[in-house]
């Protein structure tokens, strides 16, 4: 089941590697991607939990410090006011529970809603969350997959810890919590795209996204020389270049490298329609090379002034 409004992805096995896939974007461009393995996803989660727990530690250190300072005058402040002190402790306990929940979920939501679509742990291991239909990663998809993580992982773990702390748990109830976790873990391990239930509901998956710099793609002078050989010289305004970002530049670079006439024609028509131009025929590659060169120069110029646009969905600046 996918979330409403999500189109079914166009996928097929590509190459010989187990986790290689072919993703067809809404523009009709086929991209080779690699699905993140279960071990990589687990490693990213462990790193994220380290960062989250560091936030928790900082919070509880602040609380401890406050109580320590308060304790210096506790006899004067709370003499005969034990009920008021208990009320404060109970209030802080409730606030701490809410804080823990908000930090845990807010951490994942904040980073996965960013243009990179990745938490700190995912960035370190070179993976990111992506939409399976090749479109933009929708906020409702990120919210859905992260709320499902509560059911898949955190609720059963809290259930097990609570039973152990209370000391009145039976072996049967502890095993019930363990089986709960294992069911969802096995779901991740035994589907070909290494999706957990949250990914299935949200229409997302986690893919490898190695860090790539603009300097690593086709050199602009090479594209200029090739365009000159085609005898065409297209000029685009800043407004026409501003509709795309780094992700689209890298996609266009892959299309130019692959030299597939069908892909070049598809992307050429898509860009023309986006610009409001009437698509012609016969000079598709020259058009794409000119657009690639000028878009790359614009993005590099913007980065020098602290401006970065990750994709067409992110506002410039």
C-alpha atoms as a PDB file:
ATOM      1  CA  UNK A   1       0.000   0.000   0.000  1.00  0.00           C
ATOM      2  CA  UNK A   2       1.316   3.425  -0.928  1.00  0.00           C
ATOM      3  CA  UNK A   3       0.099   6.811   0.250  1.00  0.00           C
ATOM      4  CA  UNK A   4      -2.613   8.493  -1.775  1.00  0.00           C
ATOM      5  CA  UNK A   5      -1.273  10.536  -4.654  1.00  0.00           C
ATOM      6  CA  UNK A   6       1.843   8.404  -5.093  1.00  0.00           C
ATOM      7  CA  UNK A   7       2.352   7.000  -8.558  1.00  0.00           C
ATOM      8  CA  UNK A   8       3.639   3.468  -8.908  1.00  0.00           C
ATOM      9  CA  UNK A   9       7.384   3.543  -9.631  1.00  0.00           C
ATOM     10  CA  UNK A  10       8.713   2.253 -12.938  1.00  0.00           C
ATOM     11  CA  UNK A  11      11.451  -0.149 -11.878  1.00  0.00           C
ATOM     12  CA  UNK A  12      13.407  -3.004 -13.331  1.00  0.00           C
ATOM     13  CA  UNK A  13      16.530  -4.848 -12.343  1.00  0.00           C
ATOM     14  CA  UNK A  14      19.620  -3.179 -13.802  1.00  0.00           C
ATOM     15  CA  UNK A  15      23.099  -4.718 -13.983  1.00  0.00           C
ATOM     16  CA  UNK A  16      24.395  -7.656 -11.975  1.00  0.00           C
ATOM     17  CA  UNK A  17      24.606  -6.213  -8.472  1.00  0.00           C
ATOM     18  CA  UNK A  18      21.952  -7.342  -6.017  1.00  0.00           C
ATOM     19  CA  UNK A  19      20.743  -3.897  -5.006  1.00  0.00           C
ATOM     20  CA  UNK A  20      20.947  -2.099  -8.378  1.00  0.00           C
ATOM     21  CA  UNK A  21      17.673  -0.674  -9.687  1.00  0.00           C
ATOM     22  CA  UNK A  22      16.454   1.450 -12.582  1.00  0.00           C
ATOM     23  CA  UNK A  23      14.254   4.371 -11.546  1.00  0.00           C
ATOM     24  CA  UNK A  24      12.254   6.289 -14.156  1.00  0.00           C
ATOM     25  CA  UNK A  25      11.660   9.905 -13.102  1.00  0.00           C
ATOM     26  CA  UNK A  26       8.466  11.864 -13.885  1.00  0.00           C
ATOM     27  CA  UNK A  27      10.420  13.467 -16.750  1.00  0.00           C
ATOM     28  CA  UNK A  28      10.905  10.003 -18.253  1.00  0.00           C
ATOM     29  CA  UNK A  29      14.624   9.752 -17.498  1.00  0.00           C
ATOM     30  CA  UNK A  30      15.953   6.378 -16.396  1.00  0.00           C
ATOM     31  CA  UNK A  31      18.419   6.628 -13.494  1.00  0.00           C
ATOM     32  CA  UNK A  32      20.580   3.841 -12.112  1.00  0.00           C
ATOM     33  CA  UNK A  33      20.351   3.770  -8.325  1.00  0.00           C
ATOM     34  CA  UNK A  34      21.414   1.389  -5.590  1.00  0.00           C
ATOM     35  CA  UNK A  35      19.143   0.440  -2.695  1.00  0.00           C
ATOM     36  CA  UNK A  36      20.797   0.673   0.724  1.00  0.00           C
ATOM     37  CA  UNK A  37      21.403  -2.673   2.395  1.00  0.00           C
ATOM     38  CA  UNK A  38      19.879  -3.581   5.761  1.00  0.00           C
ATOM     39  CA  UNK A  39      23.295  -3.396   7.448  1.00  0.00           C
ATOM     40  CA  UNK A  40      23.922   0.116   6.114  1.00  0.00           C
ATOM     41  CA  UNK A  41      20.505   1.275   7.272  1.00  0.00           C
ATOM     42  CA  UNK A  42      21.089  -0.268  10.700  1.00  0.00           C
ATOM     43  CA  UNK A  43      24.471   1.463  10.960  1.00  0.00           C
ATOM     44  CA  UNK A  44      22.902   4.818  10.058  1.00  0.00           C
ATOM     45  CA  UNK A  45      20.192   4.287  12.695  1.00  0.00           C
ATOM     46  CA  UNK A  46      22.807   3.509  15.345  1.00  0.00           C
ATOM     47  CA  UNK A  47      24.710   6.692  14.478  1.00  0.00           C
ATOM     48  CA  UNK A  48      21.493   8.693  14.629  1.00  0.00           C
ATOM     49  CA  UNK A  49      20.689   7.213  18.035  1.00  0.00           C
ATOM     50  CA  UNK A  50      24.131   8.327  19.252  1.00  0.00           C
ATOM     51  CA  UNK A  51      23.378  11.909  18.162  1.00  0.00           C
ATOM     52  CA  UNK A  52      19.874  11.787  19.676  1.00  0.00           C
ATOM     53  CA  UNK A  53      21.197  10.421  22.968  1.00  0.00           C
ATOM     54  CA  UNK A  54      23.785  13.191  23.096  1.00  0.00           C
ATOM     55  CA  UNK A  55      20.877  15.652  22.997  1.00  0.00           C
ATOM     56  CA  UNK A  56      19.161  13.711  25.788  1.00  0.00           C
ATOM     57  CA  UNK A  57      22.335  13.721  27.894  1.00  0.00           C
ATOM     58  CA  UNK A  58      22.711  17.479  27.471  1.00  0.00           C
ATOM     59  CA  UNK A  59      19.086  17.981  28.519  1.00  0.00           C
ATOM     60  CA  UNK A  60      19.341  15.810  31.631  1.00  0.00           C
ATOM     61  CA  UNK A  61      22.666  17.399  32.592  1.00  0.00           C
ATOM     62  CA  UNK A  62      20.912  20.774  32.561  1.00  0.00           C
ATOM     63  CA  UNK A  63      18.110  19.350  34.730  1.00  0.00           C
ATOM     64  CA  UNK A  64      20.646  17.845  37.137  1.00  0.00           C
ATOM     65  CA  UNK A  65      22.452  21.162  37.375  1.00  0.00           C
ATOM     66  CA  UNK A  66      19.188  22.960  38.123  1.00  0.00           C
ATOM     67  CA  UNK A  67      18.289  20.476  40.843  1.00  0.00           C
ATOM     68  CA  UNK A  68      21.785  20.778  42.285  1.00  0.00           C
ATOM     69  CA  UNK A  69      21.506  24.564  42.494  1.00  0.00           C
ATOM     70  CA  UNK A  70      18.004  24.222  43.870  1.00  0.00           C
ATOM     71  CA  UNK A  71      19.201  21.784  46.510  1.00  0.00           C
ATOM     72  CA  UNK A  72      21.446  24.424  48.085  1.00  0.00           C
ATOM     73  CA  UNK A  73      18.405  26.232  49.435  1.00  0.00           C
ATOM     74  CA  UNK A  74      15.917  23.362  49.444  1.00  0.00           C
ATOM     75  CA  UNK A  75      15.511  23.472  53.208  1.00  0.00           C
ATOM     76  CA  UNK A  76      14.537  27.131  53.046  1.00  0.00           C
ATOM     77  CA  UNK A  77      12.486  26.951  49.842  1.00  0.00           C
ATOM     78  CA  UNK A  78      10.553  23.758  50.411  1.00  0.00           C
ATOM     79  CA  UNK A  79      10.380  23.450  54.170  1.00  0.00           C
ATOM     80  CA  UNK A  80       6.891  22.223  54.857  1.00  0.00           C
ATOM     81  CA  UNK A  81       6.124  22.228  51.126  1.00  0.00           C
ATOM     82  CA  UNK A  82       6.798  18.618  50.194  1.00  0.00           C
ATOM     83  CA  UNK A  83       3.597  18.511  48.172  1.00  0.00           C
ATOM     84  CA  UNK A  84       4.690  21.448  46.036  1.00  0.00           C
ATOM     85  CA  UNK A  85       8.098  19.858  45.472  1.00  0.00           C
ATOM     86  CA  UNK A  86       6.477  16.585  44.387  1.00  0.00           C
ATOM     87  CA  UNK A  87       4.305  18.547  41.998  1.00  0.00           C
ATOM     88  CA  UNK A  88       7.362  20.161  40.409  1.00  0.00           C
ATOM     89  CA  UNK A  89       9.087  16.803  40.041  1.00  0.00           C
ATOM     90  CA  UNK A  90       5.975  15.268  38.448  1.00  0.00           C
ATOM     91  CA  UNK A  91       5.689  18.207  36.052  1.00  0.00           C
ATOM     92  CA  UNK A  92       9.334  17.914  34.992  1.00  0.00           C
ATOM     93  CA  UNK A  93       8.873  14.167  34.508  1.00  0.00           C
ATOM     94  CA  UNK A  94       5.968  14.749  32.098  1.00  0.00           C
ATOM     95  CA  UNK A  95       7.920  17.486  30.299  1.00  0.00           C
ATOM     96  CA  UNK A  96      10.890  15.111  29.946  1.00  0.00           C
ATOM     97  CA  UNK A  97       8.718  12.399  28.397  1.00  0.00           C
ATOM     98  CA  UNK A  98       7.329  14.886  25.888  1.00  0.00           C
ATOM     99  CA  UNK A  99      10.830  16.228  25.217  1.00  0.00           C
ATOM    100  CA  UNK A 100      12.207  12.742  24.528  1.00  0.00           C
ATOM    101  CA  UNK A 101       9.358  11.998  22.096  1.00  0.00           C
ATOM    102  CA  UNK A 102       9.667  15.338  20.267  1.00  0.00           C
ATOM    103  CA  UNK A 103      13.454  15.147  19.949  1.00  0.00           C
ATOM    104  CA  UNK A 104      13.367  11.572  18.659  1.00  0.00           C
ATOM    105  CA  UNK A 105      10.743  12.307  16.015  1.00  0.00           C
ATOM    106  CA  UNK A 106      11.737  15.904  15.331  1.00  0.00           C
ATOM    107  CA  UNK A 107      15.319  14.835  14.582  1.00  0.00           C
ATOM    108  CA  UNK A 108      14.272  12.467  11.794  1.00  0.00           C
ATOM    109  CA  UNK A 109      11.555  14.780  10.440  1.00  0.00           C
ATOM    110  CA  UNK A 110      13.797  17.842  10.317  1.00  0.00           C
ATOM    111  CA  UNK A 111      16.670  16.201   8.452  1.00  0.00           C
ATOM    112  CA  UNK A 112      14.612  14.022   6.109  1.00  0.00           C
ATOM    113  CA  UNK A 113      12.480  17.009   5.096  1.00  0.00           C
ATOM    114  CA  UNK A 114      15.656  18.872   4.131  1.00  0.00           C
ATOM    115  CA  UNK A 115      16.777  18.920   0.457  1.00  0.00           C
ATOM    116  CA  UNK A 116      19.344  16.195   1.231  1.00  0.00           C
ATOM    117  CA  UNK A 117      16.629  13.868   2.583  1.00  0.00           C
ATOM    118  CA  UNK A 118      19.085  12.406   5.085  1.00  0.00           C
ATOM    119  CA  UNK A 119      19.859  12.503   8.799  1.00  0.00           C
ATOM    120  CA  UNK A 120      23.423  12.899  10.066  1.00  0.00           C
ATOM    121  CA  UNK A 121      23.797   9.130  10.305  1.00  0.00           C
ATOM    122  CA  UNK A 122      22.583   8.612   6.741  1.00  0.00           C
ATOM    123  CA  UNK A 123      24.872  11.346   5.412  1.00  0.00           C
ATOM    124  CA  UNK A 124      27.902   9.781   7.072  1.00  0.00           C
ATOM    125  CA  UNK A 125      27.166   6.430   5.392  1.00  0.00           C
ATOM    126  CA  UNK A 126      26.185   8.005   2.058  1.00  0.00           C
ATOM    127  CA  UNK A 127      22.489   7.089   1.934  1.00  0.00           C
ATOM    128  CA  UNK A 128      19.271   9.093   1.772  1.00  0.00           C
ATOM    129  CA  UNK A 129      15.496   8.749   1.727  1.00  0.00           C
ATOM    130  CA  UNK A 130      13.919   9.044  -1.729  1.00  0.00           C
ATOM    131  CA  UNK A 131      10.461   8.789  -3.225  1.00  0.00           C
ATOM    132  CA  UNK A 132       9.874   5.546  -5.139  1.00  0.00           C
ATOM    133  CA  UNK A 133       8.025   7.365  -7.931  1.00  0.00           C
ATOM    134  CA  UNK A 134      11.071   9.523  -8.708  1.00  0.00           C
ATOM    135  CA  UNK A 135       9.328  12.742  -7.652  1.00  0.00           C
ATOM    136  CA  UNK A 136       9.748  15.068  -4.737  1.00  0.00           C
ATOM    137  CA  UNK A 137       9.926  13.588  -1.245  1.00  0.00           C
ATOM    138  CA  UNK A 138       6.572  14.769   0.138  1.00  0.00           C
ATOM    139  CA  UNK A 139       6.246  15.966   3.770  1.00  0.00           C
ATOM    140  CA  UNK A 140       3.357  13.565   4.430  1.00  0.00           C
ATOM    141  CA  UNK A 141       5.543  10.659   3.303  1.00  0.00           C
ATOM    142  CA  UNK A 142       8.320  11.649   5.725  1.00  0.00           C
ATOM    143  CA  UNK A 143       5.816  12.057   8.572  1.00  0.00           C
ATOM    144  CA  UNK A 144       4.205   8.679   7.824  1.00  0.00           C
ATOM    145  CA  UNK A 145       7.466   6.709   7.660  1.00  0.00           C
ATOM    146  CA  UNK A 146       8.736   8.221  10.897  1.00  0.00           C
ATOM    147  CA  UNK A 147       5.518   7.724  12.864  1.00  0.00           C
ATOM    148  CA  UNK A 148       5.576   4.077  11.761  1.00  0.00           C
ATOM    149  CA  UNK A 149       9.086   3.801  13.253  1.00  0.00           C
ATOM    150  CA  UNK A 150       7.481   4.374  16.653  1.00  0.00           C
ATOM    151  CA  UNK A 151       5.296   1.293  16.141  1.00  0.00           C
ATOM    152  CA  UNK A 152       8.079  -0.759  14.544  1.00  0.00           C
ATOM    153  CA  UNK A 153      10.871  -0.065  17.008  1.00  0.00           C
ATOM    154  CA  UNK A 154      10.550   2.446  19.813  1.00  0.00           C
ATOM    155  CA  UNK A 155       7.217   1.381  21.337  1.00  0.00           C
ATOM    156  CA  UNK A 156       8.189  -2.294  21.731  1.00  0.00           C
ATOM    157  CA  UNK A 157      11.604  -1.320  23.139  1.00  0.00           C
ATOM    158  CA  UNK A 158       9.948   1.009  25.652  1.00  0.00           C
ATOM    159  CA  UNK A 159       7.511  -1.792  26.483  1.00  0.00           C
ATOM    160  CA  UNK A 160      10.376  -4.212  27.201  1.00  0.00           C
ATOM    161  CA  UNK A 161      12.363  -1.674  29.261  1.00  0.00           C
ATOM    162  CA  UNK A 162       9.296  -0.718  31.297  1.00  0.00           C
ATOM    163  CA  UNK A 163       8.571  -4.353  32.137  1.00  0.00           C
ATOM    164  CA  UNK A 164      12.170  -4.932  33.192  1.00  0.00           C
ATOM    165  CA  UNK A 165      12.240  -1.797  35.375  1.00  0.00           C
ATOM    166  CA  UNK A 166       8.982  -2.733  37.104  1.00  0.00           C
ATOM    167  CA  UNK A 167      10.395  -6.178  37.828  1.00  0.00           C
ATOM    168  CA  UNK A 168       7.025  -7.893  37.549  1.00  0.00           C
ATOM    169  CA  UNK A 169       7.328  -9.055  33.969  1.00  0.00           C
ATOM    170  CA  UNK A 170       6.984 -12.658  32.926  1.00  0.00           C
ATOM    171  CA  UNK A 171       9.145 -14.401  30.360  1.00  0.00           C
ATOM    172  CA  UNK A 172       6.114 -14.573  28.078  1.00  0.00           C
ATOM    173  CA  UNK A 173       5.537 -10.800  28.051  1.00  0.00           C
ATOM    174  CA  UNK A 174       9.224 -10.097  27.436  1.00  0.00           C
ATOM    175  CA  UNK A 175       9.242 -12.515  24.519  1.00  0.00           C
ATOM    176  CA  UNK A 176       6.122 -10.808  23.157  1.00  0.00           C
ATOM    177  CA  UNK A 177       8.058  -7.532  22.948  1.00  0.00           C
ATOM    178  CA  UNK A 178      11.080  -9.198  21.352  1.00  0.00           C
ATOM    179  CA  UNK A 179       8.917 -10.940  18.734  1.00  0.00           C
ATOM    180  CA  UNK A 180       7.239  -7.591  17.994  1.00  0.00           C
ATOM    181  CA  UNK A 181      10.628  -6.077  17.103  1.00  0.00           C
ATOM    182  CA  UNK A 182      11.767  -9.146  15.150  1.00  0.00           C
ATOM    183  CA  UNK A 183       8.654  -9.233  12.950  1.00  0.00           C
ATOM    184  CA  UNK A 184       9.352  -5.737  11.639  1.00  0.00           C
ATOM    185  CA  UNK A 185      13.092  -6.424  11.384  1.00  0.00           C
ATOM    186  CA  UNK A 186      12.473  -9.524   9.253  1.00  0.00           C
ATOM    187  CA  UNK A 187      10.170  -7.481   6.999  1.00  0.00           C
ATOM    188  CA  UNK A 188      13.161  -5.265   6.185  1.00  0.00           C
ATOM    189  CA  UNK A 189      15.432  -8.241   5.585  1.00  0.00           C
ATOM    190  CA  UNK A 190      13.121 -10.289   3.405  1.00  0.00           C
ATOM    191  CA  UNK A 191      11.974  -7.894   0.699  1.00  0.00           C
ATOM    192  CA  UNK A 192      14.136  -7.175  -2.322  1.00  0.00           C
ATOM    193  CA  UNK A 193      14.144  -3.377  -1.915  1.00  0.00           C
ATOM    194  CA  UNK A 194      15.056  -3.494   1.793  1.00  0.00           C
ATOM    195  CA  UNK A 195      12.012  -1.430   2.753  1.00  0.00           C
ATOM    196  CA  UNK A 196      10.591  -1.362   6.223  1.00  0.00           C
ATOM    197  CA  UNK A 197       6.838  -1.008   6.820  1.00  0.00           C
ATOM    198  CA  UNK A 198       7.153   2.763   7.084  1.00  0.00           C
ATOM    199  CA  UNK A 199       8.714   2.892   3.606  1.00  0.00           C
ATOM    200  CA  UNK A 200       5.952   0.724   2.171  1.00  0.00           C
ATOM    201  CA  UNK A 201       3.199   2.929   3.598  1.00  0.00           C
ATOM    202  CA  UNK A 202       4.935   6.207   2.662  1.00  0.00           C
ATOM    203  CA  UNK A 203       6.042   5.206  -0.847  1.00  0.00           C
ATOM    204  CA  UNK A 204       9.719   5.743  -0.022  1.00  0.00           C
ATOM    205  CA  UNK A 205      12.940   3.781   0.049  1.00  0.00           C
ATOM    206  CA  UNK A 206      16.505   4.410   1.165  1.00  0.00           C
ATOM    207  CA  UNK A 207      19.137   4.584  -1.573  1.00  0.00           C
ATOM    208  CA  UNK A 208      22.852   5.230  -1.830  1.00  0.00           C
ATOM    209  CA  UNK A 209      23.633   8.866  -2.509  1.00  0.00           C
ATOM    210  CA  UNK A 210      27.434   9.313  -2.630  1.00  0.00           C
ATOM    211  CA  UNK A 211      28.508  12.891  -2.104  1.00  0.00           C
ATOM    212  CA  UNK A 212      29.157  14.462  -5.482  1.00  0.00           C
ATOM    213  CA  UNK A 213      30.689  17.829  -6.226  1.00  0.00           C
ATOM    214  CA  UNK A 214      29.982  19.882  -9.322  1.00  0.00           C
ATOM    215  CA  UNK A 215      33.667  19.739 -10.188  1.00  0.00           C
ATOM    216  CA  UNK A 216      33.380  15.977 -10.714  1.00  0.00           C
ATOM    217  CA  UNK A 217      30.969  16.156 -13.628  1.00  0.00           C
ATOM    218  CA  UNK A 218      31.582  16.946 -17.301  1.00  0.00           C
ATOM    219  CA  UNK A 219      33.863  19.947 -17.712  1.00  0.00           C
ATOM    220  CA  UNK A 220      32.042  22.992 -19.139  1.00  0.00           C
ATOM    221  CA  UNK A 221      34.667  23.586 -21.802  1.00  0.00           C
ATOM    222  CA  UNK A 222      34.093  20.051 -23.119  1.00  0.00           C
ATOM    223  CA  UNK A 223      30.377  20.740 -23.502  1.00  0.00           C
ATOM    224  CA  UNK A 224      31.065  24.093 -25.166  1.00  0.00           C
ATOM    225  CA  UNK A 225      33.396  22.499 -27.677  1.00  0.00           C
ATOM    226  CA  UNK A 226      30.874  19.769 -28.443  1.00  0.00           C
ATOM    227  CA  UNK A 227      28.055  22.276 -28.858  1.00  0.00           C
ATOM    228  CA  UNK A 228      30.222  24.317 -31.220  1.00  0.00           C
ATOM    229  CA  UNK A 229      30.796  21.214 -33.322  1.00  0.00           C
ATOM    230  CA  UNK A 230      27.033  20.853 -33.644  1.00  0.00           C
ATOM    231  CA  UNK A 231      26.825  24.408 -34.993  1.00  0.00           C
ATOM    232  CA  UNK A 232      24.264  25.567 -32.416  1.00  0.00           C
ATOM    233  CA  UNK A 233      24.553  28.210 -29.728  1.00  0.00           C
ATOM    234  CA  UNK A 234      21.622  28.521 -27.341  1.00  0.00           C
ATOM    235  CA  UNK A 235      21.471  31.257 -24.753  1.00  0.00           C
ATOM    236  CA  UNK A 236      19.289  31.005 -21.659  1.00  0.00           C
ATOM    237  CA  UNK A 237      18.168  33.735 -19.276  1.00  0.00           C
ATOM    238  CA  UNK A 238      18.721  33.540 -15.521  1.00  0.00           C
ATOM    239  CA  UNK A 239      14.995  32.859 -15.072  1.00  0.00           C
ATOM    240  CA  UNK A 240      15.178  29.930 -17.491  1.00  0.00           C
ATOM    241  CA  UNK A 241      18.199  28.500 -15.696  1.00  0.00           C
ATOM    242  CA  UNK A 242      16.697  29.064 -12.243  1.00  0.00           C
ATOM    243  CA  UNK A 243      14.073  26.328 -12.681  1.00  0.00           C
ATOM    244  CA  UNK A 244      16.615  23.557 -12.000  1.00  0.00           C
ATOM    245  CA  UNK A 245      19.207  22.748  -9.336  1.00  0.00           C
ATOM    246  CA  UNK A 246      22.202  20.496  -8.640  1.00  0.00           C
ATOM    247  CA  UNK A 247      20.223  17.247  -8.735  1.00  0.00           C
ATOM    248  CA  UNK A 248      18.849  18.018 -12.211  1.00  0.00           C
ATOM    249  CA  UNK A 249      22.320  19.110 -13.370  1.00  0.00           C
ATOM    250  CA  UNK A 250      23.754  15.749 -12.335  1.00  0.00           C
ATOM    251  CA  UNK A 251      20.855  13.943 -14.019  1.00  0.00           C
ATOM    252  CA  UNK A 252      21.488  15.863 -17.226  1.00  0.00           C
ATOM    253  CA  UNK A 253      25.196  15.055 -16.975  1.00  0.00           C
ATOM    254  CA  UNK A 254      24.393  11.343 -16.810  1.00  0.00           C
ATOM    255  CA  UNK A 255      22.150  11.624 -19.850  1.00  0.00           C
ATOM    256  CA  UNK A 256      24.917  13.350 -21.821  1.00  0.00           C
ATOM    257  CA  UNK A 257      27.435  10.700 -20.787  1.00  0.00           C
ATOM    258  CA  UNK A 258      25.151   7.806 -21.736  1.00  0.00           C
ATOM    259  CA  UNK A 259      24.625   9.234 -25.255  1.00  0.00           C
ATOM    260  CA  UNK A 260      21.206   7.602 -25.584  1.00  0.00           C
ATOM    261  CA  UNK A 261      19.284   9.425 -28.305  1.00  0.00           C
ATOM    262  CA  UNK A 262      15.974   8.366 -26.791  1.00  0.00           C
ATOM    263  CA  UNK A 263      16.877   9.726 -23.354  1.00  0.00           C
ATOM    264  CA  UNK A 264      18.306  12.911 -24.831  1.00  0.00           C
ATOM    265  CA  UNK A 265      15.120  13.486 -26.809  1.00  0.00           C
ATOM    266  CA  UNK A 266      12.941  12.865 -23.739  1.00  0.00           C
ATOM    267  CA  UNK A 267      14.916  15.270 -21.558  1.00  0.00           C
ATOM    268  CA  UNK A 268      15.106  17.844 -24.366  1.00  0.00           C
ATOM    269  CA  UNK A 269      11.320  17.885 -24.742  1.00  0.00           C
ATOM    270  CA  UNK A 270      10.829  18.033 -20.955  1.00  0.00           C
ATOM    271  CA  UNK A 271      13.148  21.057 -20.584  1.00  0.00           C
ATOM    272  CA  UNK A 272      11.609  22.836 -23.573  1.00  0.00           C
ATOM    273  CA  UNK A 273       8.134  22.386 -22.129  1.00  0.00           C
ATOM    274  CA  UNK A 274       9.357  23.680 -18.781  1.00  0.00           C
ATOM    275  CA  UNK A 275      10.895  26.744 -20.456  1.00  0.00           C
ATOM    276  CA  UNK A 276       7.855  27.330 -22.672  1.00  0.00           C
ATOM    277  CA  UNK A 277       9.880  26.676 -25.838  1.00  0.00           C
ATOM    278  CA  UNK A 278       8.568  24.807 -28.870  1.00  0.00           C
ATOM    279  CA  UNK A 279      10.627  21.589 -29.198  1.00  0.00           C
ATOM    280  CA  UNK A 280      12.301  21.147 -32.560  1.00  0.00           C
ATOM    281  CA  UNK A 281      14.315  18.222 -33.831  1.00  0.00           C
ATOM    282  CA  UNK A 282      17.845  17.465 -34.946  1.00  0.00           C
ATOM    283  CA  UNK A 283      19.819  19.546 -32.448  1.00  0.00           C
ATOM    284  CA  UNK A 284      18.729  17.985 -29.149  1.00  0.00           C
ATOM    285  CA  UNK A 285      22.260  17.272 -27.951  1.00  0.00           C
ATOM    286  CA  UNK A 286      23.523  20.765 -28.749  1.00  0.00           C
ATOM    287  CA  UNK A 287      20.584  22.223 -26.822  1.00  0.00           C
ATOM    288  CA  UNK A 288      21.250  19.978 -23.810  1.00  0.00           C
ATOM    289  CA  UNK A 289      24.983  20.674 -23.806  1.00  0.00           C
ATOM    290  CA  UNK A 290      24.406  24.432 -23.921  1.00  0.00           C
ATOM    291  CA  UNK A 291      21.819  24.220 -21.152  1.00  0.00           C
ATOM    292  CA  UNK A 292      24.077  21.994 -19.051  1.00  0.00           C
ATOM    293  CA  UNK A 293      27.055  24.342 -19.437  1.00  0.00           C
ATOM    294  CA  UNK A 294      25.129  27.495 -18.560  1.00  0.00           C
ATOM    295  CA  UNK A 295      23.258  25.872 -15.660  1.00  0.00           C
ATOM    296  CA  UNK A 296      26.529  24.570 -14.230  1.00  0.00           C
ATOM    297  CA  UNK A 297      28.156  27.980 -14.464  1.00  0.00           C
ATOM    298  CA  UNK A 298      25.147  29.605 -12.781  1.00  0.00           C
ATOM    299  CA  UNK A 299      25.146  27.102  -9.913  1.00  0.00           C
ATOM    300  CA  UNK A 300      28.900  27.404  -9.388  1.00  0.00           C
ATOM    301  CA  UNK A 301      28.624  31.177  -9.388  1.00  0.00           C
ATOM    302  CA  UNK A 302      25.835  31.031  -6.825  1.00  0.00           C
ATOM    303  CA  UNK A 303      27.820  28.691  -4.578  1.00  0.00           C
ATOM    304  CA  UNK A 304      30.710  31.156  -4.513  1.00  0.00           C
ATOM    305  CA  UNK A 305      28.297  33.667  -2.961  1.00  0.00           C
ATOM    306  CA  UNK A 306      26.887  31.180  -0.455  1.00  0.00           C
ATOM    307  CA  UNK A 307      23.818  30.256  -2.501  1.00  0.00           C
ATOM    308  CA  UNK A 308      23.035  26.625  -3.142  1.00  0.00           C
ATOM    309  CA  UNK A 309      20.014  25.079  -4.823  1.00  0.00           C
ATOM    310  CA  UNK A 310      19.840  21.318  -4.333  1.00  0.00           C
ATOM    311  CA  UNK A 311      16.976  20.624  -6.753  1.00  0.00           C
ATOM    312  CA  UNK A 312      14.102  22.170  -8.662  1.00  0.00           C
ATOM    313  CA  UNK A 313      11.826  22.040  -5.605  1.00  0.00           C
ATOM    314  CA  UNK A 314      14.082  24.153  -3.394  1.00  0.00           C
ATOM    315  CA  UNK A 315      13.795  27.914  -3.574  1.00  0.00           C
ATOM    316  CA  UNK A 316      16.932  29.689  -4.698  1.00  0.00           C
ATOM    317  CA  UNK A 317      19.017  31.630  -2.216  1.00  0.00           C
END
